[in-house]
Amino acid sequence: MEKYVTVEEFAEVLSRRFSPEFPCELREYEGVALAPEVDKVAEDFKTYEVREDDCWLVTYPKAGTTWVQEIVSCLMHDEYLDPAKQIHTVFRVPYLDQTIPERARRWKNMPPPHKIAEEMPSPRVLKSHFPGQLLPPQLWEKKVKIIYIIRNPKDVLVSYYYFEKMFDPQRKEQSFGELLERANSGNIMYGVWWCHYLYFWKRRHEPNILLLRYEDLKKDLRGNVERISLFLGKNLPAKKLDEITEHCKFANMKANPMANHDVLYPESTKSGRSFMRKGKVGGWKEHFTVAQNEAMDALIKEKLHGTGLTFDD
């Protein structure tokens, strides 16, 4: 992407994208709520060319994407650990279903990220929030490596709430209760969390899929860095794994302008807010009322009954 724009220029494009001039009105595509123009990416994905040495990072939004993409990027290309060689994460790991409405783009010759990714050298690390059924069929045909992250949906929705307050002009005054109602009825980008999760949960034993839990990463980052490394076929020495683990600690990433998205949203982060907010496990307890928690527990029990997927409080 750096062939087309600098980080600063891309930030300018995004500042216009997340403005009242371009309201994010969701539309339904094959039963999934998507933002304007994202349906065009979904259509392109039906014939999208996938490479056998790709690694695809797929997540429901706010499940730990930015964190894990840095781990995977450094495992695949450890030269990025050198500050002098660092490239911003948005260029290293393109967000394939990110779209910018045509009128918001000053740079008319800048293709969408999924097209730019076609120009990247192998091996590529690519990111998508699409549910499994909207991903390129070639992913399944070629059995490309996929890393999927599951996080307690209560924490996911708290993180999503703050994300929308930062970036969506329509949602700045939204209450947490309103967000919960929208999210659990599917009126949120990429649809309901349980359908997204269960698609991959049911495939967790397939050899090309690595399913991670956000909470496990918090408990044992070093162990999971090694687990990801082995999944990728990287037999790295312990010292290198230690180095990557230190680099990818939440606090270090939050302070690293090349590893988080704050530099892309200077207006939204002026007041001290950050794209990488707290990364806490169990932070939902500070936001859910007793009634909201009971309703969420009932929903989780209903939707996940018989699947074996559970969450610790």
Protein backbone atom coordinates (compact mmCIF):
# COMPACT_ATOMS: atom_id res chain seq x y z
CA MET A 1 0.00 0.00 0.00
CA GLU A 2 2.95 2.32 0.65
CA LYS A 3 3.40 2.34 -3.14
CA TYR A 4 0.22 4.42 -3.31
CA VAL A 5 0.04 6.48 -0.11
CA THR A 6 2.06 7.33 2.97
CA VAL A 7 0.74 6.57 6.45
CA GLU A 8 -0.09 10.26 6.86
CA GLU A 9 -2.00 10.37 3.58
CA PHE A 10 -3.91 7.22 4.47
CA ALA A 11 -4.79 8.79 7.82
CA GLU A 12 -6.22 11.76 5.93
CA VAL A 13 -8.37 9.45 3.80
CA LEU A 14 -9.65 7.68 6.91
CA SER A 15 -10.43 10.97 8.64
CA ARG A 16 -12.83 11.75 5.81
CA ARG A 17 -14.21 8.22 5.78
CA PHE A 18 -15.15 8.48 9.47
CA SER A 19 -16.96 11.80 9.19
CA PRO A 20 -20.62 12.90 9.12
CA GLU A 21 -20.20 13.38 5.37
CA PHE A 22 -20.07 9.60 4.91
CA PRO A 23 -22.51 7.91 7.30
CA CYS A 24 -21.95 4.18 7.74
CA GLU A 25 -25.34 2.80 6.79
CA LEU A 26 -25.26 -0.98 7.02
CA ARG A 27 -26.75 -3.10 4.28
CA GLU A 28 -27.47 -6.81 4.24
CA TYR A 29 -25.42 -9.08 2.01
CA GLU A 30 -26.25 -12.79 2.03
CA GLY A 31 -27.67 -12.43 5.53
CA VAL A 32 -24.72 -10.45 6.95
CA ALA A 33 -24.69 -6.73 7.80
CA LEU A 34 -21.90 -4.95 5.91
CA ALA A 35 -20.80 -1.34 5.54
CA PRO A 36 -21.21 0.48 2.21
CA GLU A 37 -19.12 -1.00 -0.62
CA VAL A 38 -17.90 -3.95 1.48
CA ASP A 39 -20.38 -6.10 -0.44
CA LYS A 40 -18.26 -5.42 -3.53
CA VAL A 41 -15.29 -7.00 -1.77
CA ALA A 42 -17.46 -10.00 -0.85
CA GLU A 43 -18.37 -10.38 -4.53
CA ASP A 44 -14.71 -10.17 -5.56
CA PHE A 45 -13.84 -12.78 -2.93
CA LYS A 46 -15.91 -15.38 -4.78
CA THR A 47 -13.16 -15.56 -7.41
CA TYR A 48 -10.27 -14.16 -5.36
CA GLU A 49 -6.89 -15.79 -5.99
CA VAL A 50 -5.37 -17.22 -2.83
CA ARG A 51 -1.75 -18.39 -2.53
CA GLU A 52 -0.86 -21.65 -0.83
CA ASP A 53 1.77 -19.97 1.37
CA ASP A 54 -0.60 -17.23 2.59
CA CYS A 55 -1.52 -16.88 6.23
CA TRP A 56 -4.98 -15.44 6.77
CA LEU A 57 -5.88 -13.85 10.08
CA VAL A 58 -9.66 -13.93 10.49
CA THR A 59 -11.49 -12.45 13.46
CA TYR A 60 -14.73 -10.95 14.61
CA PRO A 61 -14.04 -7.23 15.16
CA LYS A 62 -12.39 -6.28 18.48
CA ALA A 63 -11.38 -9.85 19.31
CA GLY A 64 -7.64 -9.13 19.34
CA THR A 65 -6.87 -8.65 15.66
CA THR A 66 -4.23 -5.93 15.91
CA TRP A 67 -2.38 -7.81 18.63
CA VAL A 68 -2.20 -11.14 16.81
CA GLN A 69 -1.41 -9.61 13.42
CA GLU A 70 1.75 -8.10 14.94
CA ILE A 71 2.76 -11.48 16.35
CA VAL A 72 2.17 -13.24 13.03
CA SER A 73 3.85 -10.50 11.01
CA CYS A 74 6.99 -10.66 13.16
CA LEU A 75 7.09 -14.46 13.05
CA MET A 76 6.81 -14.44 9.26
CA HIS A 77 9.19 -11.52 8.73
CA ASP A 78 11.35 -11.00 11.82
CA GLU A 79 13.23 -8.09 10.23
CA TYR A 80 10.31 -5.93 11.40
CA LEU A 81 11.65 -6.23 14.93
CA ASP A 82 14.40 -3.80 13.90
CA PRO A 83 13.01 -0.28 14.51
CA ALA A 84 14.94 1.01 11.51
CA LYS A 85 13.17 -1.46 9.22
CA GLN A 86 9.68 -1.23 10.61
CA ILE A 87 6.78 -0.62 8.28
CA HIS A 88 3.39 0.31 9.65
CA THR A 89 1.18 -2.67 10.38
CA VAL A 90 -1.54 -1.43 8.00
CA PHE A 91 0.93 -1.91 5.14
CA ARG A 92 2.38 -5.20 6.39
CA VAL A 93 -0.98 -6.86 7.02
CA PRO A 94 -3.63 -5.42 4.71
CA TYR A 95 -7.20 -5.38 6.00
CA LEU A 96 -8.76 -6.87 2.89
CA ASP A 97 -12.38 -5.89 3.44
CA GLN A 98 -11.59 -2.28 4.33
CA THR A 99 -13.20 0.09 1.86
CA ILE A 100 -13.14 3.82 1.34
CA PRO A 101 -16.15 5.32 -0.49
CA GLU A 102 -14.99 6.69 -3.83
CA ARG A 103 -15.87 10.29 -2.93
CA ALA A 104 -13.73 10.06 0.19
CA ARG A 105 -10.61 9.15 -1.74
CA ARG A 106 -8.33 11.87 -3.01
CA TRP A 107 -6.08 9.30 -4.61
CA LYS A 108 -8.21 7.90 -7.42
CA ASN A 109 -5.42 5.56 -8.49
CA MET A 110 -5.32 3.81 -5.11
CA PRO A 111 -6.95 0.37 -5.44
CA PRO A 112 -8.81 -1.18 -2.49
CA PRO A 113 -6.64 -3.21 -0.08
CA HIS A 114 -7.69 -6.61 -1.45
CA LYS A 115 -6.43 -5.53 -4.86
CA ILE A 116 -3.21 -4.07 -3.45
CA ALA A 117 -2.58 -7.39 -1.68
CA GLU A 118 -2.35 -9.06 -5.08
CA GLU A 119 0.87 -7.12 -5.66
CA MET A 120 2.51 -8.21 -2.39
CA PRO A 121 5.38 -10.70 -2.43
CA SER A 122 4.93 -14.08 -0.78
CA PRO A 123 4.50 -15.15 1.92
CA ARG A 124 1.67 -12.77 2.72
CA VAL A 125 -0.13 -12.14 6.00
CA LEU A 126 -3.68 -11.00 5.24
CA LYS A 127 -6.52 -9.93 7.51
CA SER A 128 -10.30 -10.13 7.22
CA HIS A 129 -13.31 -9.75 9.49
CA PHE A 130 -15.61 -11.57 7.07
CA PRO A 131 -17.52 -14.56 8.45
CA GLY A 132 -16.28 -17.87 7.09
CA GLN A 133 -18.97 -18.26 4.45
CA LEU A 134 -17.96 -14.98 2.77
CA LEU A 135 -14.24 -15.76 2.58
CA PRO A 136 -12.72 -16.83 -0.76
CA PRO A 137 -13.61 -20.44 -1.65
CA GLN A 138 -9.95 -20.99 -2.56
CA LEU A 139 -9.06 -20.67 1.12
CA TRP A 140 -10.85 -23.95 1.75
CA GLU A 141 -9.89 -25.60 -1.54
CA LYS A 142 -6.15 -24.94 -1.07
CA LYS A 143 -6.29 -25.46 2.71
CA VAL A 144 -4.43 -22.23 3.34
CA LYS A 145 -3.33 -21.51 6.91
CA ILE A 146 -5.99 -19.59 8.86
CA ILE A 147 -5.57 -18.19 12.36
CA TYR A 148 -8.85 -17.42 14.11
CA ILE A 149 -9.25 -15.67 17.47
CA ILE A 150 -12.10 -16.11 19.93
CA ARG A 151 -12.64 -13.67 22.80
CA ASN A 152 -15.34 -13.50 25.45
CA PRO A 153 -18.17 -11.74 23.58
CA LYS A 154 -18.89 -9.53 26.58
CA ASP A 155 -15.41 -8.02 26.33
CA VAL A 156 -15.70 -7.86 22.54
CA LEU A 157 -18.87 -5.79 22.74
CA VAL A 158 -17.42 -3.41 25.33
CA SER A 159 -14.44 -2.84 23.03
CA TYR A 160 -16.76 -2.41 20.04
CA TYR A 161 -18.79 0.14 21.99
CA TYR A 162 -15.75 2.35 22.54
CA PHE A 163 -14.56 1.83 18.98
CA GLU A 164 -17.84 3.15 17.60
CA LYS A 165 -17.83 6.12 19.98
CA MET A 166 -14.39 7.07 18.67
CA PHE A 167 -14.97 6.65 14.97
CA ASP A 168 -18.65 6.61 14.01
CA PRO A 169 -20.29 10.07 14.18
CA GLN A 170 -23.72 8.40 14.32
CA ARG A 171 -22.80 6.47 17.48
CA LYS A 172 -21.06 9.05 19.66
CA GLU A 173 -24.12 9.42 21.91
CA GLN A 174 -25.08 5.75 21.80
CA SER A 175 -25.53 4.03 25.16
CA PHE A 176 -23.94 0.68 25.88
CA GLY A 177 -27.42 -0.84 26.15
CA GLU A 178 -28.24 0.36 22.63
CA LEU A 179 -25.04 -1.22 21.32
CA LEU A 180 -25.91 -4.52 23.01
CA GLU A 181 -29.36 -4.54 21.45
CA ARG A 182 -27.96 -3.84 17.97
CA ALA A 183 -25.14 -6.38 18.29
CA ASN A 184 -27.31 -9.22 19.52
CA SER A 185 -29.87 -8.65 16.77
CA GLY A 186 -27.25 -8.61 13.99
CA ASN A 187 -27.45 -4.88 13.27
CA ILE A 188 -23.69 -4.53 13.50
CA MET A 189 -20.81 -4.93 11.05
CA TYR A 190 -20.22 -8.59 10.12
CA GLY A 191 -23.36 -9.82 11.86
CA VAL A 192 -23.84 -11.62 15.16
CA TRP A 193 -20.77 -12.85 17.01
CA TRP A 194 -21.99 -16.42 17.63
CA CYS A 195 -22.42 -17.30 13.94
CA HIS A 196 -18.96 -15.88 13.24
CA TYR A 197 -17.39 -17.86 16.10
CA LEU A 198 -19.16 -21.15 15.48
CA TYR A 199 -18.17 -21.36 11.82
CA PHE A 200 -14.55 -21.69 12.89
CA TRP A 201 -15.15 -23.43 16.20
CA LYS A 202 -16.65 -26.36 14.29
CA ARG A 203 -13.51 -26.49 12.11
CA ARG A 204 -11.00 -26.06 14.92
CA HIS A 205 -9.52 -29.54 14.46
CA GLU A 206 -8.72 -29.04 10.77
CA PRO A 207 -4.91 -28.98 10.34
CA ASN A 208 -4.84 -25.68 8.45
CA ILE A 209 -6.80 -23.81 11.15
CA LEU A 210 -5.32 -22.52 14.40
CA LEU A 211 -7.94 -21.35 16.85
CA LEU A 212 -6.64 -19.02 19.57
CA ARG A 213 -8.35 -17.62 22.62
CA TYR A 214 -7.64 -14.02 23.55
CA GLU A 215 -7.69 -14.94 27.22
CA ASP A 216 -5.00 -17.60 26.68
CA LEU A 217 -2.77 -15.02 25.01
CA LYS A 218 -3.12 -12.83 28.09
CA LYS A 219 -2.25 -15.73 30.41
CA ASP A 220 0.72 -17.06 28.45
CA LEU A 221 1.88 -14.85 25.60
CA ARG A 222 5.25 -16.60 25.20
CA GLY A 223 3.65 -20.04 24.99
CA ASN A 224 1.18 -18.88 22.37
CA VAL A 225 3.83 -17.08 20.32
CA GLU A 226 5.63 -20.43 20.13
CA ARG A 227 2.39 -22.22 19.29
CA ILE A 228 1.72 -19.81 16.42
CA SER A 229 5.32 -20.17 15.25
CA LEU A 230 5.03 -23.96 15.06
CA PHE A 231 1.70 -23.68 13.22
CA LEU A 232 3.41 -21.45 10.64
CA GLY A 233 6.23 -23.96 10.25
CA LYS A 234 8.78 -21.60 11.78
CA ASN A 235 11.38 -23.35 13.91
CA LEU A 236 12.72 -20.22 15.60
CA PRO A 237 15.29 -20.26 18.42
CA ALA A 238 14.10 -19.50 21.95
CA LYS A 239 15.90 -16.14 21.96
CA LYS A 240 13.99 -14.97 18.88
CA LEU A 241 10.68 -16.11 20.37
CA ASP A 242 11.53 -14.19 23.55
CA GLU A 243 12.29 -11.11 21.46
CA ILE A 244 8.99 -11.32 19.58
CA THR A 245 7.09 -11.90 22.83
CA GLU A 246 8.59 -8.77 24.37
CA HIS A 247 7.89 -6.76 21.22
CA CYS A 248 4.26 -7.91 21.22
CA LYS A 249 3.39 -7.26 24.84
CA PHE A 250 0.24 -5.13 24.90
CA ALA A 251 1.90 -2.12 26.56
CA ASN A 252 4.84 -2.19 24.13
CA MET A 253 2.57 -2.40 21.11
CA LYS A 254 0.39 0.41 22.40
CA ALA A 255 3.52 2.59 22.66
CA ASN A 256 4.81 1.58 19.22
CA PRO A 257 3.43 3.83 16.43
CA MET A 258 4.27 1.17 13.84
CA ALA A 259 2.31 -1.55 15.62
CA ASN A 260 -1.01 0.10 16.46
CA HIS A 261 -3.49 2.25 14.58
CA ASP A 262 -3.37 5.48 16.60
CA VAL A 263 -1.26 7.25 13.98
CA LEU A 264 -4.06 6.62 11.47
CA TYR A 265 -6.66 8.41 13.60
CA PRO A 266 -4.93 11.54 14.99
CA GLU A 267 -8.18 13.47 15.50
CA SER A 268 -9.87 10.63 17.37
CA THR A 269 -6.86 10.05 19.63
CA LYS A 270 -6.14 13.70 20.51
CA SER A 271 -7.90 13.44 23.86
CA GLY A 272 -5.69 10.57 25.00
CA ARG A 273 -7.95 7.80 23.72
CA SER A 274 -6.28 4.92 21.90
CA PHE A 275 -7.26 2.40 19.25
CA MET A 276 -5.71 -0.20 21.57
CA ARG A 277 -7.71 0.73 24.65
CA LYS A 278 -7.03 -1.55 27.64
CA GLY A 279 -6.92 -5.12 26.37
CA LYS A 280 -8.30 -6.34 29.69
CA VAL A 281 -9.88 -9.70 30.36
CA GLY A 282 -13.13 -9.25 32.27
CA GLY A 283 -13.44 -5.51 31.66
CA TRP A 284 -17.07 -6.15 30.79
CA LYS A 285 -17.85 -6.28 34.53
CA GLU A 286 -17.40 -2.51 34.66
CA HIS A 287 -20.06 -1.94 31.98
CA PHE A 288 -22.80 -4.58 32.11
CA THR A 289 -25.67 -4.07 34.52
CA VAL A 290 -26.93 -7.13 36.40
CA ALA A 291 -29.89 -7.36 34.03
CA GLN A 292 -27.71 -6.99 30.94
CA ASN A 293 -25.34 -9.68 32.18
CA GLU A 294 -28.17 -12.09 32.93
CA ALA A 295 -29.65 -11.52 29.47
CA MET A 296 -26.24 -12.01 27.83
CA ASP A 297 -25.63 -15.22 29.80
CA ALA A 298 -28.99 -16.55 28.65
CA LEU A 299 -28.18 -15.67 25.04
CA ILE A 300 -24.76 -17.35 25.23
CA LYS A 301 -26.32 -20.47 26.72
CA GLU A 302 -28.99 -20.58 24.01
CA LYS A 303 -26.71 -19.98 21.03
CA LEU A 304 -23.80 -22.17 22.13
CA HIS A 305 -25.78 -25.06 23.62
CA GLY A 306 -24.27 -28.38 22.59
CA THR A 307 -21.28 -26.85 20.79
CA GLY A 308 -18.70 -27.21 23.57
CA LEU A 309 -17.75 -23.54 23.29
CA THR A 310 -17.78 -21.77 26.65
CA PHE A 311 -16.30 -18.63 28.20
CA ASP A 312 -14.85 -18.00 31.63
CA ASP A 313 -16.10 -14.98 33.54
